[in-house]
């Protein structure tokens, strides 16, 4: 999975937040993680963007915005990830600022505030 048009430095920030989500999930529920590939972190250390191979983003949220915000780039994607089963993953960003990375949630990039621990 590749996020076309996303600056590489910002893409790495997203991947670092995904790693924190993975590490926290495996720490909290290790018994549910026994069948997860142990290569996720090893691959990440070689190439941080490789963690995107372990997620499958299939839902795009298109939140209402005002015309004054129409040129502000946003990402609001959700889907499955190899480590969290039914919890899935949501990645939300606005104007190259990461707002949320964590379990699947309804997140409006224009009105929600970030309080997720996986952000930097």
PDB file of N, CA and C in Angstrom:
ATOM      1  N   UNK A   1       0.842  -1.173   0.000  1.00  0.00           N
ATOM      2  CA  UNK A   1       0.000   0.000   0.000  1.00  0.00           C
ATOM      3  C   UNK A   1       0.884   1.232   0.000  1.00  0.00           C
ATOM      4  N   UNK A   2       0.613   2.146  -0.888  1.00  0.00           N
ATOM      5  CA  UNK A   2       1.405   3.364  -0.993  1.00  0.00           C
ATOM      6  C   UNK A   2       0.462   4.552  -0.938  1.00  0.00           C
ATOM      7  N   UNK A   3       0.807   5.537  -0.159  1.00  0.00           N
ATOM      8  CA  UNK A   3       0.020   6.760  -0.093  1.00  0.00           C
ATOM      9  C   UNK A   3       0.626   7.744  -1.082  1.00  0.00           C
ATOM     10  N   UNK A   4       0.076   7.784  -2.278  1.00  0.00           N
ATOM     11  CA  UNK A   4       0.606   8.613  -3.358  1.00  0.00           C
ATOM     12  C   UNK A   4       0.451  10.086  -2.996  1.00  0.00           C
ATOM     13  N   UNK A   5       1.494  10.841  -3.230  1.00  0.00           N
ATOM     14  CA  UNK A   5       1.466  12.267  -2.970  1.00  0.00           C
ATOM     15  C   UNK A   5       1.832  12.651  -1.548  1.00  0.00           C
ATOM     16  N   UNK A   6       2.089  11.667  -0.699  1.00  0.00           N
ATOM     17  CA  UNK A   6       2.461  11.960   0.684  1.00  0.00           C
ATOM     18  C   UNK A   6       3.978  12.070   0.765  1.00  0.00           C
ATOM     19  N   UNK A   7       4.437  13.145   1.325  1.00  0.00           N
ATOM     20  CA  UNK A   7       5.860  13.391   1.530  1.00  0.00           C
ATOM     21  C   UNK A   7       6.478  12.217   2.292  1.00  0.00           C
ATOM     22  N   UNK A   8       7.661  11.752   1.867  1.00  0.00           N
ATOM     23  CA  UNK A   8       8.288  10.578   2.489  1.00  0.00           C
ATOM     24  C   UNK A   8       8.508  10.780   3.996  1.00  0.00           C
ATOM     25  N   UNK A   9       8.952  11.951   4.391  1.00  0.00           N
ATOM     26  CA  UNK A   9       9.192  12.219   5.818  1.00  0.00           C
ATOM     27  C   UNK A   9       7.894  12.065   6.625  1.00  0.00           C
ATOM     28  N   UNK A  10       6.792  12.575   6.076  1.00  0.00           N
ATOM     29  CA  UNK A  10       5.509  12.449   6.758  1.00  0.00           C
ATOM     30  C   UNK A  10       5.028  10.992   6.737  1.00  0.00           C
ATOM     31  N   UNK A  11       5.278  10.300   5.649  1.00  0.00           N
ATOM     32  CA  UNK A  11       4.921   8.879   5.557  1.00  0.00           C
ATOM     33  C   UNK A  11       5.657   8.072   6.626  1.00  0.00           C
ATOM     34  N   UNK A  12       6.911   8.385   6.865  1.00  0.00           N
ATOM     35  CA  UNK A  12       7.682   7.709   7.918  1.00  0.00           C
ATOM     36  C   UNK A  12       7.065   8.004   9.288  1.00  0.00           C
ATOM     37  N   UNK A  13       6.586   9.238   9.517  1.00  0.00           N
ATOM     38  CA  UNK A  13       5.917   9.558  10.785  1.00  0.00           C
ATOM     39  C   UNK A  13       4.673   8.690  10.976  1.00  0.00           C
ATOM     40  N   UNK A  14       3.910   8.518   9.911  1.00  0.00           N
ATOM     41  CA  UNK A  14       2.732   7.648   9.969  1.00  0.00           C
ATOM     42  C   UNK A  14       3.164   6.232  10.330  1.00  0.00           C
ATOM     43  N   UNK A  15       4.220   5.752   9.685  1.00  0.00           N
ATOM     44  CA  UNK A  15       4.706   4.390   9.932  1.00  0.00           C
ATOM     45  C   UNK A  15       5.234   4.227  11.359  1.00  0.00           C
ATOM     46  N   UNK A  16       5.879   5.251  11.888  1.00  0.00           N
ATOM     47  CA  UNK A  16       6.347   5.193  13.279  1.00  0.00           C
ATOM     48  C   UNK A  16       5.164   5.100  14.241  1.00  0.00           C
ATOM     49  N   UNK A  17       4.086   5.833  13.955  1.00  0.00           N
ATOM     50  CA  UNK A  17       2.888   5.746  14.790  1.00  0.00           C
ATOM     51  C   UNK A  17       2.247   4.365  14.665  1.00  0.00           C
ATOM     52  N   UNK A  18       2.253   3.792  13.473  1.00  0.00           N
ATOM     53  CA  UNK A  18       1.745   2.426  13.295  1.00  0.00           C
ATOM     54  C   UNK A  18       2.571   1.433  14.112  1.00  0.00           C
ATOM     55  N   UNK A  19       3.887   1.640  14.147  1.00  0.00           N
ATOM     56  CA  UNK A  19       4.738   0.762  14.956  1.00  0.00           C
ATOM     57  C   UNK A  19       4.382   0.861  16.434  1.00  0.00           C
ATOM     58  N   UNK A  20       4.173   2.085  16.915  1.00  0.00           N
ATOM     59  CA  UNK A  20       3.790   2.259  18.325  1.00  0.00           C
ATOM     60  C   UNK A  20       2.448   1.581  18.609  1.00  0.00           C
ATOM     61  N   UNK A  21       1.514   1.677  17.672  1.00  0.00           N
ATOM     62  CA  UNK A  21       0.221   1.008  17.815  1.00  0.00           C
ATOM     63  C   UNK A  21       0.440  -0.510  17.891  1.00  0.00           C
ATOM     64  N   UNK A  22       1.259  -1.045  17.002  1.00  0.00           N
ATOM     65  CA  UNK A  22       1.563  -2.481  16.997  1.00  0.00           C
ATOM     66  C   UNK A  22       2.204  -2.907  18.327  1.00  0.00           C
ATOM     67  N   UNK A  23       3.229  -2.190  18.759  1.00  0.00           N
ATOM     68  CA  UNK A  23       3.942  -2.560  19.985  1.00  0.00           C
ATOM     69  C   UNK A  23       3.021  -2.499  21.203  1.00  0.00           C
ATOM     70  N   UNK A  24       2.181  -1.480  21.277  1.00  0.00           N
ATOM     71  CA  UNK A  24       1.267  -1.351  22.400  1.00  0.00           C
ATOM     72  C   UNK A  24       0.232  -2.479  22.382  1.00  0.00           C
ATOM     73  N   UNK A  25      -0.290  -2.775  21.214  1.00  0.00           N
ATOM     74  CA  UNK A  25      -1.288  -3.839  21.098  1.00  0.00           C
ATOM     75  C   UNK A  25      -0.700  -5.183  21.527  1.00  0.00           C
ATOM     76  N   UNK A  26       0.507  -5.493  21.058  1.00  0.00           N
ATOM     77  CA  UNK A  26       1.118  -6.782  21.413  1.00  0.00           C
ATOM     78  C   UNK A  26       1.483  -6.842  22.892  1.00  0.00           C
ATOM     79  N   UNK A  27       1.751  -5.699  23.514  1.00  0.00           N
ATOM     80  CA  UNK A  27       2.045  -5.667  24.952  1.00  0.00           C
ATOM     81  C   UNK A  27       0.769  -5.874  25.768  1.00  0.00           C
ATOM     82  N   UNK A  28      -0.321  -5.257  25.327  1.00  0.00           N
ATOM     83  CA  UNK A  28      -1.579  -5.331  26.074  1.00  0.00           C
ATOM     84  C   UNK A  28      -2.252  -6.694  25.932  1.00  0.00           C
ATOM     85  N   UNK A  29      -2.246  -7.259  24.745  1.00  0.00           N
ATOM     86  CA  UNK A  29      -2.941  -8.536  24.515  1.00  0.00           C
ATOM     87  C   UNK A  29      -2.008  -9.546  23.827  1.00  0.00           C
ATOM     88  N   UNK A  30      -0.951  -9.946  24.506  1.00  0.00           N
ATOM     89  CA  UNK A  30       0.028 -10.836  23.872  1.00  0.00           C
ATOM     90  C   UNK A  30      -0.564 -12.178  23.440  1.00  0.00           C
ATOM     91  N   UNK A  31      -1.557 -12.678  24.165  1.00  0.00           N
ATOM     92  CA  UNK A  31      -2.137 -13.964  23.810  1.00  0.00           C
ATOM     93  C   UNK A  31      -2.868 -13.917  22.467  1.00  0.00           C
ATOM     94  N   UNK A  32      -3.360 -12.752  22.061  1.00  0.00           N
ATOM     95  CA  UNK A  32      -4.018 -12.611  20.765  1.00  0.00           C
ATOM     96  C   UNK A  32      -3.018 -12.402  19.634  1.00  0.00           C
ATOM     97  N   UNK A  33      -1.756 -12.236  19.977  1.00  0.00           N
ATOM     98  CA  UNK A  33      -0.737 -11.887  18.989  1.00  0.00           C
ATOM     99  C   UNK A  33       0.210 -13.043  18.658  1.00  0.00           C
ATOM    100  N   UNK A  34      -0.087 -14.216  19.159  1.00  0.00           N
ATOM    101  CA  UNK A  34       0.825 -15.343  18.966  1.00  0.00           C
ATOM    102  C   UNK A  34       1.009 -15.708  17.505  1.00  0.00           C
ATOM    103  N   UNK A  35      -0.013 -15.516  16.677  1.00  0.00           N
ATOM    104  CA  UNK A  35       0.064 -15.895  15.272  1.00  0.00           C
ATOM    105  C   UNK A  35       0.496 -14.761  14.353  1.00  0.00           C
ATOM    106  N   UNK A  36       0.803 -13.598  14.927  1.00  0.00           N
ATOM    107  CA  UNK A  36       1.231 -12.449  14.133  1.00  0.00           C
ATOM    108  C   UNK A  36       2.690 -12.635  13.728  1.00  0.00           C
ATOM    109  N   UNK A  37       2.986 -12.254  12.505  1.00  0.00           N
ATOM    110  CA  UNK A  37       4.357 -12.347  12.000  1.00  0.00           C
ATOM    111  C   UNK A  37       5.314 -11.583  12.912  1.00  0.00           C
ATOM    112  N   UNK A  38       6.383 -12.231  13.286  1.00  0.00           N
ATOM    113  CA  UNK A  38       7.407 -11.585  14.107  1.00  0.00           C
ATOM    114  C   UNK A  38       8.326 -10.707  13.269  1.00  0.00           C
ATOM    115  N   UNK A  39       8.080 -10.674  11.960  1.00  0.00           N
ATOM    116  CA  UNK A  39       8.915  -9.890  11.058  1.00  0.00           C
ATOM    117  C   UNK A  39       8.524  -8.417  11.004  1.00  0.00           C
ATOM    118  N   UNK A  40       7.389  -8.049  11.573  1.00  0.00           N
ATOM    119  CA  UNK A  40       6.916  -6.671  11.450  1.00  0.00           C
ATOM    120  C   UNK A  40       7.974  -5.685  11.937  1.00  0.00           C
ATOM    121  N   UNK A  41       8.498  -5.881  13.136  1.00  0.00           N
ATOM    122  CA  UNK A  41       9.497  -4.949  13.680  1.00  0.00           C
ATOM    123  C   UNK A  41      10.837  -5.111  12.973  1.00  0.00           C
ATOM    124  N   UNK A  42      11.216  -6.331  12.684  1.00  0.00           N
ATOM    125  CA  UNK A  42      12.478  -6.558  11.972  1.00  0.00           C
ATOM    126  C   UNK A  42      12.449  -5.864  10.609  1.00  0.00           C
ATOM    127  N   UNK A  43      11.340  -6.006   9.894  1.00  0.00           N
ATOM    128  CA  UNK A  43      11.189  -5.329   8.605  1.00  0.00           C
ATOM    129  C   UNK A  43      11.176  -3.815   8.787  1.00  0.00           C
ATOM    130  N   UNK A  44      10.495  -3.342   9.844  1.00  0.00           N
ATOM    131  CA  UNK A  44      10.413  -1.909  10.114  1.00  0.00           C
ATOM    132  C   UNK A  44      11.803  -1.318  10.345  1.00  0.00           C
ATOM    133  N   UNK A  45      12.638  -2.034  11.073  1.00  0.00           N
ATOM    134  CA  UNK A  45      13.981  -1.525  11.355  1.00  0.00           C
ATOM    135  C   UNK A  45      14.811  -1.384  10.084  1.00  0.00           C
ATOM    136  N   UNK A  46      14.566  -2.241   9.106  1.00  0.00           N
ATOM    137  CA  UNK A  46      15.268  -2.137   7.824  1.00  0.00           C
ATOM    138  C   UNK A  46      14.686  -1.019   6.969  1.00  0.00           C
ATOM    139  N   UNK A  47      13.358  -0.910   6.987  1.00  0.00           N
ATOM    140  CA  UNK A  47      12.664   0.073   6.172  1.00  0.00           C
ATOM    141  C   UNK A  47      11.332   0.400   6.842  1.00  0.00           C
ATOM    142  N   UNK A  48      11.219   1.557   7.496  1.00  0.00           N
ATOM    143  CA  UNK A  48      10.003   1.884   8.242  1.00  0.00           C
ATOM    144  C   UNK A  48       8.713   1.767   7.424  1.00  0.00           C
ATOM    145  N   UNK A  49       8.787   2.051   6.145  1.00  0.00           N
ATOM    146  CA  UNK A  49       7.594   2.022   5.305  1.00  0.00           C
ATOM    147  C   UNK A  49       7.088   0.590   5.094  1.00  0.00           C
ATOM    148  N   UNK A  50       7.901  -0.393   5.398  1.00  0.00           N
ATOM    149  CA  UNK A  50       7.492  -1.794   5.216  1.00  0.00           C
ATOM    150  C   UNK A  50       6.300  -2.170   6.091  1.00  0.00           C
ATOM    151  N   UNK A  51       6.048  -1.430   7.169  1.00  0.00           N
ATOM    152  CA  UNK A  51       4.909  -1.746   8.033  1.00  0.00           C
ATOM    153  C   UNK A  51       3.588  -1.593   7.274  1.00  0.00           C
ATOM    154  N   UNK A  52       3.600  -0.811   6.198  1.00  0.00           N
ATOM    155  CA  UNK A  52       2.393  -0.662   5.383  1.00  0.00           C
ATOM    156  C   UNK A  52       2.001  -1.978   4.710  1.00  0.00           C
ATOM    157  N   UNK A  53       2.947  -2.921   4.594  1.00  0.00           N
ATOM    158  CA  UNK A  53       2.629  -4.236   4.038  1.00  0.00           C
ATOM    159  C   UNK A  53       1.718  -5.036   4.958  1.00  0.00           C
ATOM    160  N   UNK A  54       1.596  -4.622   6.206  1.00  0.00           N
ATOM    161  CA  UNK A  54       0.812  -5.353   7.202  1.00  0.00           C
ATOM    162  C   UNK A  54      -0.549  -4.702   7.468  1.00  0.00           C
ATOM    163  N   UNK A  55      -0.885  -3.691   6.678  1.00  0.00           N
ATOM    164  CA  UNK A  55      -2.209  -3.082   6.808  1.00  0.00           C
ATOM    165  C   UNK A  55      -2.898  -3.079   5.450  1.00  0.00           C
ATOM    166  N   UNK A  56      -4.220  -3.060   5.493  1.00  0.00           N
ATOM    167  CA  UNK A  56      -5.034  -3.052   4.280  1.00  0.00           C
ATOM    168  C   UNK A  56      -6.103  -1.987   4.460  1.00  0.00           C
ATOM    169  N   UNK A  57      -5.822  -0.815   3.935  1.00  0.00           N
ATOM    170  CA  UNK A  57      -6.737   0.316   4.085  1.00  0.00           C
ATOM    171  C   UNK A  57      -7.765   0.271   2.960  1.00  0.00           C
ATOM    172  N   UNK A  58      -9.024   0.147   3.337  1.00  0.00           N
ATOM    173  CA  UNK A  58     -10.060   0.034   2.326  1.00  0.00           C
ATOM    174  C   UNK A  58     -11.199   1.018   2.489  1.00  0.00           C
ATOM    175  N   UNK A  59     -11.165   1.848   3.527  1.00  0.00           N
ATOM    176  CA  UNK A  59     -12.244   2.804   3.768  1.00  0.00           C
ATOM    177  C   UNK A  59     -11.675   4.213   3.806  1.00  0.00           C
ATOM    178  N   UNK A  60     -12.250   5.081   3.009  1.00  0.00           N
ATOM    179  CA  UNK A  60     -11.867   6.494   2.997  1.00  0.00           C
ATOM    180  C   UNK A  60     -13.035   7.305   3.521  1.00  0.00           C
ATOM    181  N   UNK A  61     -12.780   8.167   4.472  1.00  0.00           N
ATOM    182  CA  UNK A  61     -13.798   9.071   4.993  1.00  0.00           C
ATOM    183  C   UNK A  61     -13.659  10.410   4.279  1.00  0.00           C
ATOM    184  N   UNK A  62     -14.772  10.930   3.825  1.00  0.00           N
ATOM    185  CA  UNK A  62     -14.791  12.245   3.202  1.00  0.00           C
ATOM    186  C   UNK A  62     -15.662  13.146   4.077  1.00  0.00           C
ATOM    187  N   UNK A  63     -15.017  13.873   4.963  1.00  0.00           N
ATOM    188  CA  UNK A  63     -15.729  14.730   5.901  1.00  0.00           C
ATOM    189  C   UNK A  63     -16.080  16.055   5.237  1.00  0.00           C
ATOM    190  N   UNK A  64     -17.215  16.617   5.623  1.00  0.00           N
ATOM    191  CA  UNK A  64     -17.608  17.932   5.112  1.00  0.00           C
ATOM    192  C   UNK A  64     -16.600  18.980   5.555  1.00  0.00           C
ATOM    193  N   UNK A  65     -16.343  19.921   4.692  1.00  0.00           N
ATOM    194  CA  UNK A  65     -15.403  20.987   5.006  1.00  0.00           C
ATOM    195  C   UNK A  65     -15.923  22.293   4.428  1.00  0.00           C
ATOM    196  N   UNK A  66     -15.388  23.390   4.892  1.00  0.00           N
ATOM    197  CA  UNK A  66     -15.785  24.687   4.345  1.00  0.00           C
ATOM    198  C   UNK A  66     -14.917  24.993   3.133  1.00  0.00           C
ATOM    199  N   UNK A  67     -15.370  25.871   2.285  1.00  0.00           N
ATOM    200  CA  UNK A  67     -14.620  26.206   1.072  1.00  0.00           C
ATOM    201  C   UNK A  67     -13.276  26.837   1.395  1.00  0.00           C
ATOM    202  N   UNK A  68     -13.138  27.435   2.563  1.00  0.00           N
ATOM    203  CA  UNK A  68     -11.847  28.023   2.934  1.00  0.00           C
ATOM    204  C   UNK A  68     -10.804  26.940   3.222  1.00  0.00           C
ATOM    205  N   UNK A  69     -11.257  25.702   3.464  1.00  0.00           N
ATOM    206  CA  UNK A  69     -10.343  24.599   3.777  1.00  0.00           C
ATOM    207  C   UNK A  69     -10.094  23.666   2.605  1.00  0.00           C
ATOM    208  N   UNK A  70     -10.632  23.984   1.428  1.00  0.00           N
ATOM    209  CA  UNK A  70     -10.592  23.023   0.326  1.00  0.00           C
ATOM    210  C   UNK A  70      -9.184  22.716  -0.185  1.00  0.00           C
ATOM    211  N   UNK A  71      -8.204  23.520   0.109  1.00  0.00           N
ATOM    212  CA  UNK A  71      -6.839  23.246  -0.338  1.00  0.00           C
ATOM    213  C   UNK A  71      -5.959  22.640   0.740  1.00  0.00           C
ATOM    214  N   UNK A  72      -6.531  22.315   1.879  1.00  0.00           N
ATOM    215  CA  UNK A  72      -5.777  21.685   2.958  1.00  0.00           C
ATOM    216  C   UNK A  72      -5.797  20.176   2.740  1.00  0.00           C
ATOM    217  N   UNK A  73      -4.620  19.560   2.591  1.00  0.00           N
ATOM    218  CA  UNK A  73      -4.592  18.106   2.360  1.00  0.00           C
ATOM    219  C   UNK A  73      -4.981  17.329   3.617  1.00  0.00           C
ATOM    220  N   UNK A  74      -5.812  16.303   3.431  1.00  0.00           N
ATOM    221  CA  UNK A  74      -6.232  15.463   4.544  1.00  0.00           C
ATOM    222  C   UNK A  74      -6.120  13.991   4.163  1.00  0.00           C
ATOM    223  N   UNK A  75      -5.917  13.166   5.187  1.00  0.00           N
ATOM    224  CA  UNK A  75      -5.934  11.710   5.066  1.00  0.00           C
ATOM    225  C   UNK A  75      -6.885  11.223   6.149  1.00  0.00           C
ATOM    226  N   UNK A  76      -7.831  10.383   5.778  1.00  0.00           N
ATOM    227  CA  UNK A  76      -8.725   9.772   6.759  1.00  0.00           C
ATOM    228  C   UNK A  76      -9.064   8.376   6.233  1.00  0.00           C
ATOM    229  N   UNK A  77      -8.211   7.409   6.578  1.00  0.00           N
ATOM    230  CA  UNK A  77      -8.295   6.056   6.041  1.00  0.00           C
ATOM    231  C   UNK A  77      -8.438   5.039   7.161  1.00  0.00           C
ATOM    232  N   UNK A  78      -9.196   3.994   6.893  1.00  0.00           N
ATOM    233  CA  UNK A  78      -9.362   2.917   7.867  1.00  0.00           C
ATOM    234  C   UNK A  78      -9.304   1.579   7.149  1.00  0.00           C
ATOM    235  N   UNK A  79      -9.025   0.549   7.924  1.00  0.00           N
ATOM    236  CA  UNK A  79      -8.994  -0.788   7.351  1.00  0.00           C
ATOM    237  C   UNK A  79      -8.523  -1.817   8.348  1.00  0.00           C
ATOM    238  N   UNK A  80      -7.981  -2.883   7.819  1.00  0.00           N
ATOM    239  CA  UNK A  80      -7.490  -3.988   8.630  1.00  0.00           C
ATOM    240  C   UNK A  80      -5.988  -3.861   8.836  1.00  0.00           C
ATOM    241  N   UNK A  81      -5.517  -4.470   9.923  1.00  0.00           N
ATOM    242  CA  UNK A  81      -4.075  -4.591  10.106  1.00  0.00           C
ATOM    243  C   UNK A  81      -3.787  -5.970  10.689  1.00  0.00           C
ATOM    244  N   UNK A  82      -2.585  -6.436  10.461  1.00  0.00           N
ATOM    245  CA  UNK A  82      -2.215  -7.807  10.802  1.00  0.00           C
ATOM    246  C   UNK A  82      -2.278  -8.090  12.289  1.00  0.00           C
ATOM    247  N   UNK A  83      -2.195  -7.068  13.121  1.00  0.00           N
ATOM    248  CA  UNK A  83      -2.045  -7.330  14.552  1.00  0.00           C
ATOM    249  C   UNK A  83      -3.293  -7.096  15.394  1.00  0.00           C
ATOM    250  N   UNK A  84      -4.280  -6.385  14.933  1.00  0.00           N
ATOM    251  CA  UNK A  84      -5.333  -6.007  15.871  1.00  0.00           C
ATOM    252  C   UNK A  84      -6.697  -6.631  15.603  1.00  0.00           C
ATOM    253  N   UNK A  85      -6.764  -7.630  14.778  1.00  0.00           N
ATOM    254  CA  UNK A  85      -8.019  -8.336  14.560  1.00  0.00           C
ATOM    255  C   UNK A  85      -9.171  -7.411  14.248  1.00  0.00           C
ATOM    256  N   UNK A  86     -10.233  -7.512  15.031  1.00  0.00           N
ATOM    257  CA  UNK A  86     -11.443  -6.725  14.792  1.00  0.00           C
ATOM    258  C   UNK A  86     -11.261  -5.240  15.063  1.00  0.00           C
ATOM    259  N   UNK A  87     -10.206  -4.850  15.777  1.00  0.00           N
ATOM    260  CA  UNK A  87     -10.001  -3.429  16.083  1.00  0.00           C
ATOM    261  C   UNK A  87      -9.576  -2.631  14.865  1.00  0.00           C
ATOM    262  N   UNK A  88      -8.918  -3.272  13.901  1.00  0.00           N
ATOM    263  CA  UNK A  88      -8.504  -2.583  12.693  1.00  0.00           C
ATOM    264  C   UNK A  88      -7.592  -1.407  12.959  1.00  0.00           C
ATOM    265  N   UNK A  89      -7.591  -0.454  12.007  1.00  0.00           N
ATOM    266  CA  UNK A  89      -6.724   0.706  12.112  1.00  0.00           C
ATOM    267  C   UNK A  89      -7.382   1.888  11.416  1.00  0.00           C
ATOM    268  N   UNK A  90      -7.165   3.071  11.974  1.00  0.00           N
ATOM    269  CA  UNK A  90      -7.542   4.330  11.337  1.00  0.00           C
ATOM    270  C   UNK A  90      -6.328   5.238  11.363  1.00  0.00           C
ATOM    271  N   UNK A  91      -6.094   5.911  10.254  1.00  0.00           N
ATOM    272  CA  UNK A  91      -5.026   6.908  10.132  1.00  0.00           C
ATOM    273  C   UNK A  91      -5.690   8.209   9.695  1.00  0.00           C
ATOM    274  N   UNK A  92      -5.521   9.263  10.482  1.00  0.00           N
ATOM    275  CA  UNK A  92      -6.106  10.560  10.147  1.00  0.00           C
ATOM    276  C   UNK A  92      -5.040  11.640  10.269  1.00  0.00           C
ATOM    277  N   UNK A  93      -4.982  12.500   9.255  1.00  0.00           N
ATOM    278  CA  UNK A  93      -4.015  13.595   9.244  1.00  0.00           C
ATOM    279  C   UNK A  93      -4.627  14.779   8.515  1.00  0.00           C
ATOM    280  N   UNK A  94      -4.164  15.958   8.901  1.00  0.00           N
ATOM    281  CA  UNK A  94      -4.619  17.177   8.235  1.00  0.00           C
ATOM    282  C   UNK A  94      -3.439  18.119   8.109  1.00  0.00           C
ATOM    283  N   UNK A  95      -3.233  18.604   6.893  1.00  0.00           N
ATOM    284  CA  UNK A  95      -2.190  19.593   6.636  1.00  0.00           C
ATOM    285  C   UNK A  95      -0.814  19.106   7.107  1.00  0.00           C
ATOM    286  N   UNK A  96      -0.522  17.838   6.821  1.00  0.00           N
ATOM    287  CA  UNK A  96       0.738  17.188   7.192  1.00  0.00           C
ATOM    288  C   UNK A  96       0.972  17.133   8.694  1.00  0.00           C
ATOM    289  N   UNK A  97      -0.119  17.064   9.454  1.00  0.00           N
ATOM    290  CA  UNK A  97      -0.050  16.885  10.897  1.00  0.00           C
ATOM    291  C   UNK A  97      -0.856  15.643  11.247  1.00  0.00           C
ATOM    292  N   UNK A  98      -0.201  14.690  11.873  1.00  0.00           N
ATOM    293  CA  UNK A  98      -0.845  13.441  12.229  1.00  0.00           C
ATOM    294  C   UNK A  98      -1.798  13.669  13.389  1.00  0.00           C
ATOM    295  N   UNK A  99      -3.074  13.361  13.188  1.00  0.00           N
ATOM    296  CA  UNK A  99      -4.098  13.571  14.204  1.00  0.00           C
ATOM    297  C   UNK A  99      -4.429  12.299  14.975  1.00  0.00           C
ATOM    298  N   UNK A 100      -4.433  11.166  14.281  1.00  0.00           N
ATOM    299  CA  UNK A 100      -4.856   9.920  14.931  1.00  0.00           C
ATOM    300  C   UNK A 100      -4.278   8.723  14.189  1.00  0.00           C
ATOM    301  N   UNK A 101      -3.731   7.790  14.928  1.00  0.00           N
ATOM    302  CA  UNK A 101      -3.384   6.460  14.439  1.00  0.00           C
ATOM    303  C   UNK A 101      -3.735   5.518  15.572  1.00  0.00           C
ATOM    304  N   UNK A 102      -4.580   4.561  15.293  1.00  0.00           N
ATOM    305  CA  UNK A 102      -4.993   3.629  16.330  1.00  0.00           C
ATOM    306  C   UNK A 102      -6.122   2.757  15.849  1.00  0.00           C
ATOM    307  N   UNK A 103      -6.833   2.149  16.799  1.00  0.00           N
ATOM    308  CA  UNK A 103      -7.950   1.279  16.434  1.00  0.00           C
ATOM    309  C   UNK A 103      -8.983   2.029  15.593  1.00  0.00           C
ATOM    310  N   UNK A 104      -9.652   1.276  14.720  1.00  0.00           N
ATOM    311  CA  UNK A 104     -10.668   1.838  13.835  1.00  0.00           C
ATOM    312  C   UNK A 104     -11.639   2.681  14.633  1.00  0.00           C
ATOM    313  N   UNK A 105     -11.878   3.905  14.161  1.00  0.00           N
ATOM    314  CA  UNK A 105     -12.818   4.806  14.815  1.00  0.00           C
ATOM    315  C   UNK A 105     -13.394   5.760  13.784  1.00  0.00           C
ATOM    316  N   UNK A 106     -14.508   6.351  14.119  1.00  0.00           N
ATOM    317  CA  UNK A 106     -15.067   7.440  13.313  1.00  0.00           C
ATOM    318  C   UNK A 106     -14.324   8.696  13.742  1.00  0.00           C
ATOM    319  N   UNK A 107     -13.531   9.249  12.856  1.00  0.00           N
ATOM    320  CA  UNK A 107     -12.709  10.412  13.196  1.00  0.00           C
ATOM    321  C   UNK A 107     -12.920  11.471  12.124  1.00  0.00           C
ATOM    322  N   UNK A 108     -13.399  12.626  12.502  1.00  0.00           N
ATOM    323  CA  UNK A 108     -13.601  13.725  11.570  1.00  0.00           C
ATOM    324  C   UNK A 108     -12.393  14.644  11.668  1.00  0.00           C
ATOM    325  N   UNK A 109     -11.652  14.770  10.579  1.00  0.00           N
ATOM    326  CA  UNK A 109     -10.410  15.563  10.615  1.00  0.00           C
ATOM    327  C   UNK A 109     -10.664  17.051  10.835  1.00  0.00           C
ATOM    328  N   UNK A 110     -11.888  17.498  10.635  1.00  0.00           N
ATOM    329  CA  UNK A 110     -12.200  18.920  10.799  1.00  0.00           C
ATOM    330  C   UNK A 110     -12.708  19.252  12.196  1.00  0.00           C
ATOM    331  N   UNK A 111     -13.307  18.278  12.889  1.00  0.00           N
ATOM    332  CA  UNK A 111     -13.924  18.599  14.175  1.00  0.00           C
ATOM    333  C   UNK A 111     -13.370  17.804  15.347  1.00  0.00           C
ATOM    334  N   UNK A 112     -12.755  16.656  15.103  1.00  0.00           N
ATOM    335  CA  UNK A 112     -12.228  15.837  16.199  1.00  0.00           C
ATOM    336  C   UNK A 112     -10.885  16.363  16.674  1.00  0.00           C
ATOM    337  N   UNK A 113     -10.587  16.119  17.938  1.00  0.00           N
ATOM    338  CA  UNK A 113      -9.284  16.475  18.466  1.00  0.00           C
ATOM    339  C   UNK A 113      -8.511  15.202  18.767  1.00  0.00           C
ATOM    340  N   UNK A 114      -7.235  15.269  18.638  1.00  0.00           N
ATOM    341  CA  UNK A 114      -6.374  14.101  18.845  1.00  0.00           C
ATOM    342  C   UNK A 114      -6.113  13.878  20.327  1.00  0.00           C
ATOM    343  N   UNK A 115      -6.254  12.641  20.740  1.00  0.00           N
ATOM    344  CA  UNK A 115      -5.867  12.265  22.105  1.00  0.00           C
ATOM    345  C   UNK A 115      -5.323  10.845  22.091  1.00  0.00           C
ATOM    346  N   UNK A 116      -4.846  10.413  20.968  1.00  0.00           N
ATOM    347  CA  UNK A 116      -4.395   9.034  20.815  1.00  0.00           C
ATOM    348  C   UNK A 116      -2.921   8.910  21.165  1.00  0.00           C
ATOM    349  N   UNK A 117      -2.566   7.854  21.866  1.00  0.00           N
ATOM    350  CA  UNK A 117      -1.211   7.692  22.365  1.00  0.00           C
ATOM    351  C   UNK A 117      -0.193   7.301  21.301  1.00  0.00           C
ATOM    352  N   UNK A 118      -0.615   6.943  20.124  1.00  0.00           N
ATOM    353  CA  UNK A 118       0.327   6.473  19.112  1.00  0.00           C
ATOM    354  C   UNK A 118       0.876   7.608  18.259  1.00  0.00           C
ATOM    355  N   UNK A 119       0.402   8.816  18.481  1.00  0.00           N
ATOM    356  CA  UNK A 119       0.878   9.994  17.755  1.00  0.00           C
ATOM    357  C   UNK A 119       2.153  10.472  18.443  1.00  0.00           C
ATOM    358  N   UNK A 120       2.970  11.184  17.675  1.00  0.00           N
ATOM    359  CA  UNK A 120       4.216  11.704  18.275  1.00  0.00           C
ATOM    360  C   UNK A 120       3.991  12.886  19.160  1.00  0.00           C
TER     361      UNK A 120
END
